[in-house]
Amino acid sequence: MMEKSLWTEGLSDAIGFVGGALLGFWLGRLLGLDVFAPGYGNASIGGILLVGLGGGGGLQLARRWQKRKNKPD
């Protein structure tokens, strides 16, 4: 039972992080911020920041969802 719980927790963390990072990436693209621009200009740094914030936010949402789902009734 513990292994299944750890597996689902890890999977939801990964999905939350990647989903949030992708949302941050596409939001940056809409705003004209390119993560893959050559060098470290303002547009590149802004895009990297949005990807990082999106990934962290998605991870936190996934963990809150897991906590609420596993709360005893």
N, C-alpha and C. Protein backbone atom coordinates (compact mmCIF):
# COMPACT_ATOMS: atom_id res chain seq x y z
N MET A 1 0.83 -1.20 0.00
CA MET A 1 0.00 0.00 0.00
C MET A 1 0.87 1.26 0.00
N MET A 2 1.96 1.21 0.76
CA MET A 2 2.84 2.37 0.83
C MET A 2 3.49 2.65 -0.52
N GLU A 3 3.88 1.57 -1.23
CA GLU A 3 4.52 1.75 -2.53
C GLU A 3 3.58 2.41 -3.52
N LYS A 4 2.32 2.01 -3.51
CA LYS A 4 1.35 2.61 -4.43
C LYS A 4 1.17 4.09 -4.10
N SER A 5 1.13 4.42 -2.82
CA SER A 5 0.97 5.80 -2.41
C SER A 5 2.17 6.64 -2.87
N LEU A 6 3.37 6.12 -2.71
CA LEU A 6 4.55 6.85 -3.15
C LEU A 6 4.59 6.99 -4.66
N TRP A 7 4.16 5.95 -5.36
CA TRP A 7 4.11 5.99 -6.81
C TRP A 7 3.14 7.07 -7.30
N THR A 8 1.94 7.12 -6.74
CA THR A 8 0.97 8.12 -7.17
C THR A 8 1.40 9.52 -6.77
N GLU A 9 2.03 9.64 -5.61
CA GLU A 9 2.52 10.94 -5.18
C GLU A 9 3.60 11.45 -6.12
N GLY A 10 4.54 10.60 -6.47
CA GLY A 10 5.61 10.99 -7.39
C GLY A 10 5.08 11.31 -8.77
N LEU A 11 4.14 10.52 -9.24
CA LEU A 11 3.56 10.75 -10.55
C LEU A 11 2.79 12.07 -10.59
N SER A 12 2.01 12.34 -9.55
CA SER A 12 1.26 13.61 -9.54
C SER A 12 2.20 14.80 -9.41
N ASP A 13 3.29 14.65 -8.64
CA ASP A 13 4.29 15.73 -8.56
C ASP A 13 4.89 16.01 -9.93
N ALA A 14 5.25 14.95 -10.65
CA ALA A 14 5.86 15.11 -11.96
C ALA A 14 4.90 15.76 -12.95
N ILE A 15 3.65 15.31 -12.93
CA ILE A 15 2.66 15.88 -13.85
C ILE A 15 2.40 17.35 -13.52
N GLY A 16 2.30 17.65 -12.23
CA GLY A 16 2.08 19.04 -11.82
C GLY A 16 3.23 19.94 -12.22
N PHE A 17 4.47 19.46 -12.00
CA PHE A 17 5.64 20.27 -12.33
C PHE A 17 5.75 20.50 -13.84
N VAL A 18 5.64 19.43 -14.61
CA VAL A 18 5.80 19.55 -16.07
C VAL A 18 4.64 20.37 -16.65
N GLY A 19 3.43 20.13 -16.17
CA GLY A 19 2.29 20.91 -16.66
C GLY A 19 2.43 22.39 -16.35
N GLY A 20 2.86 22.71 -15.14
CA GLY A 20 3.06 24.11 -14.77
C GLY A 20 4.18 24.76 -15.56
N ALA A 21 5.27 24.01 -15.77
CA ALA A 21 6.39 24.54 -16.54
C ALA A 21 5.96 24.80 -17.99
N LEU A 22 5.17 23.90 -18.55
CA LEU A 22 4.69 24.12 -19.92
C LEU A 22 3.75 25.33 -20.01
N LEU A 23 2.91 25.48 -19.00
CA LEU A 23 2.05 26.68 -18.98
C LEU A 23 2.88 27.95 -18.89
N GLY A 24 3.91 27.93 -18.05
CA GLY A 24 4.80 29.08 -17.96
C GLY A 24 5.53 29.35 -19.26
N PHE A 25 5.96 28.27 -19.92
CA PHE A 25 6.64 28.41 -21.21
C PHE A 25 5.73 29.07 -22.24
N TRP A 26 4.50 28.56 -22.36
CA TRP A 26 3.58 29.11 -23.37
C TRP A 26 3.11 30.51 -23.02
N LEU A 27 2.98 30.81 -21.74
CA LEU A 27 2.65 32.18 -21.34
C LEU A 27 3.79 33.11 -21.74
N GLY A 28 5.01 32.68 -21.51
CA GLY A 28 6.16 33.47 -21.93
C GLY A 28 6.19 33.68 -23.44
N ARG A 29 5.88 32.64 -24.19
CA ARG A 29 5.84 32.78 -25.66
C ARG A 29 4.79 33.80 -26.08
N LEU A 30 3.63 33.77 -25.40
CA LEU A 30 2.58 34.74 -25.72
C LEU A 30 3.02 36.17 -25.41
N LEU A 31 3.85 36.31 -24.38
CA LEU A 31 4.34 37.64 -23.98
C LEU A 31 5.61 38.05 -24.73
N GLY A 32 6.10 37.17 -25.62
CA GLY A 32 7.29 37.49 -26.39
C GLY A 32 8.59 37.16 -25.68
N LEU A 33 8.53 36.34 -24.65
CA LEU A 33 9.73 35.95 -23.90
C LEU A 33 10.16 34.57 -24.38
N ASP A 34 11.38 34.47 -24.89
CA ASP A 34 11.85 33.22 -25.47
C ASP A 34 12.93 32.59 -24.59
N VAL A 35 12.61 31.46 -24.00
CA VAL A 35 13.55 30.75 -23.14
C VAL A 35 14.80 30.35 -23.92
N PHE A 36 14.64 30.02 -25.17
CA PHE A 36 15.73 29.49 -25.97
C PHE A 36 16.45 30.55 -26.81
N ALA A 37 16.24 31.81 -26.49
CA ALA A 37 16.95 32.87 -27.21
C ALA A 37 18.44 32.78 -26.90
N PRO A 38 19.30 33.07 -27.88
CA PRO A 38 20.74 33.01 -27.62
C PRO A 38 21.16 34.07 -26.61
N GLY A 39 22.08 33.69 -25.75
CA GLY A 39 22.55 34.62 -24.72
C GLY A 39 21.57 34.70 -23.56
N TYR A 40 21.85 35.60 -22.67
CA TYR A 40 20.99 35.79 -21.50
C TYR A 40 20.44 37.20 -21.47
N GLY A 41 19.64 37.52 -22.46
CA GLY A 41 19.00 38.82 -22.50
C GLY A 41 17.78 38.84 -21.60
N ASN A 42 17.13 40.00 -21.55
CA ASN A 42 15.95 40.15 -20.70
C ASN A 42 14.83 39.20 -21.09
N ALA A 43 14.63 38.98 -22.40
CA ALA A 43 13.57 38.09 -22.86
C ALA A 43 13.85 36.65 -22.44
N SER A 44 15.09 36.24 -22.51
CA SER A 44 15.46 34.89 -22.12
C SER A 44 15.30 34.68 -20.61
N ILE A 45 15.78 35.63 -19.83
CA ILE A 45 15.68 35.53 -18.37
C ILE A 45 14.21 35.55 -17.94
N GLY A 46 13.41 36.40 -18.56
CA GLY A 46 11.98 36.44 -18.24
C GLY A 46 11.29 35.12 -18.55
N GLY A 47 11.65 34.51 -19.68
CA GLY A 47 11.08 33.21 -20.04
C GLY A 47 11.49 32.13 -19.06
N ILE A 48 12.77 32.12 -18.67
CA ILE A 48 13.25 31.14 -17.70
C ILE A 48 12.53 31.32 -16.36
N LEU A 49 12.33 32.56 -15.96
CA LEU A 49 11.62 32.84 -14.72
C LEU A 49 10.19 32.31 -14.75
N LEU A 50 9.50 32.53 -15.86
CA LEU A 50 8.12 32.04 -15.98
C LEU A 50 8.04 30.52 -15.97
N VAL A 51 8.99 29.86 -16.62
CA VAL A 51 9.02 28.40 -16.62
C VAL A 51 9.25 27.89 -15.19
N GLY A 52 10.18 28.50 -14.48
CA GLY A 52 10.46 28.09 -13.10
C GLY A 52 9.28 28.33 -12.17
N LEU A 53 8.66 29.49 -12.28
CA LEU A 53 7.49 29.79 -11.45
C LEU A 53 6.32 28.87 -11.78
N GLY A 54 6.14 28.60 -13.06
CA GLY A 54 5.06 27.70 -13.48
C GLY A 54 5.29 26.29 -12.96
N GLY A 55 6.52 25.80 -13.06
CA GLY A 55 6.83 24.46 -12.56
C GLY A 55 6.64 24.35 -11.06
N GLY A 56 7.12 25.34 -10.34
CA GLY A 56 6.95 25.34 -8.88
C GLY A 56 5.49 25.45 -8.48
N GLY A 57 4.75 26.30 -9.17
CA GLY A 57 3.32 26.44 -8.87
C GLY A 57 2.55 25.17 -9.17
N GLY A 58 2.87 24.53 -10.29
CA GLY A 58 2.20 23.27 -10.63
C GLY A 58 2.51 22.18 -9.62
N LEU A 59 3.75 22.12 -9.15
CA LEU A 59 4.14 21.15 -8.14
C LEU A 59 3.37 21.39 -6.84
N GLN A 60 3.26 22.64 -6.42
CA GLN A 60 2.53 22.95 -5.19
C GLN A 60 1.05 22.60 -5.32
N LEU A 61 0.45 22.87 -6.47
CA LEU A 61 -0.95 22.50 -6.68
C LEU A 61 -1.14 20.99 -6.64
N ALA A 62 -0.21 20.25 -7.22
CA ALA A 62 -0.29 18.78 -7.20
C ALA A 62 -0.19 18.26 -5.77
N ARG A 63 0.70 18.84 -4.98
CA ARG A 63 0.85 18.39 -3.59
C ARG A 63 -0.37 18.73 -2.75
N ARG A 64 -0.95 19.89 -2.98
CA ARG A 64 -2.18 20.24 -2.25
C ARG A 64 -3.32 19.31 -2.63
N TRP A 65 -3.40 18.95 -3.91
CA TRP A 65 -4.43 18.02 -4.37
C TRP A 65 -4.24 16.67 -3.71
N GLN A 66 -2.99 16.18 -3.64
CA GLN A 66 -2.72 14.90 -3.00
C GLN A 66 -3.07 14.95 -1.51
N LYS A 67 -2.74 16.05 -0.86
CA LYS A 67 -3.03 16.18 0.57
C LYS A 67 -4.54 16.16 0.81
N ARG A 68 -5.30 16.87 -0.02
CA ARG A 68 -6.75 16.90 0.13
C ARG A 68 -7.35 15.54 -0.18
N LYS A 69 -6.79 14.86 -1.19
CA LYS A 69 -7.30 13.55 -1.58
C LYS A 69 -7.05 12.49 -0.50
N ASN A 70 -5.92 12.58 0.19
CA ASN A 70 -5.55 11.59 1.19
C ASN A 70 -6.00 11.94 2.61
N LYS A 71 -6.72 13.07 2.76
CA LYS A 71 -7.17 13.47 4.08
C LYS A 71 -8.21 12.48 4.60
N PRO A 72 -8.05 12.02 5.84
CA PRO A 72 -9.05 11.09 6.39
C PRO A 72 -10.40 11.78 6.53
N ASP A 73 -11.44 11.03 6.24
CA ASP A 73 -12.81 11.60 6.31
C ASP A 73 -13.33 11.65 7.73
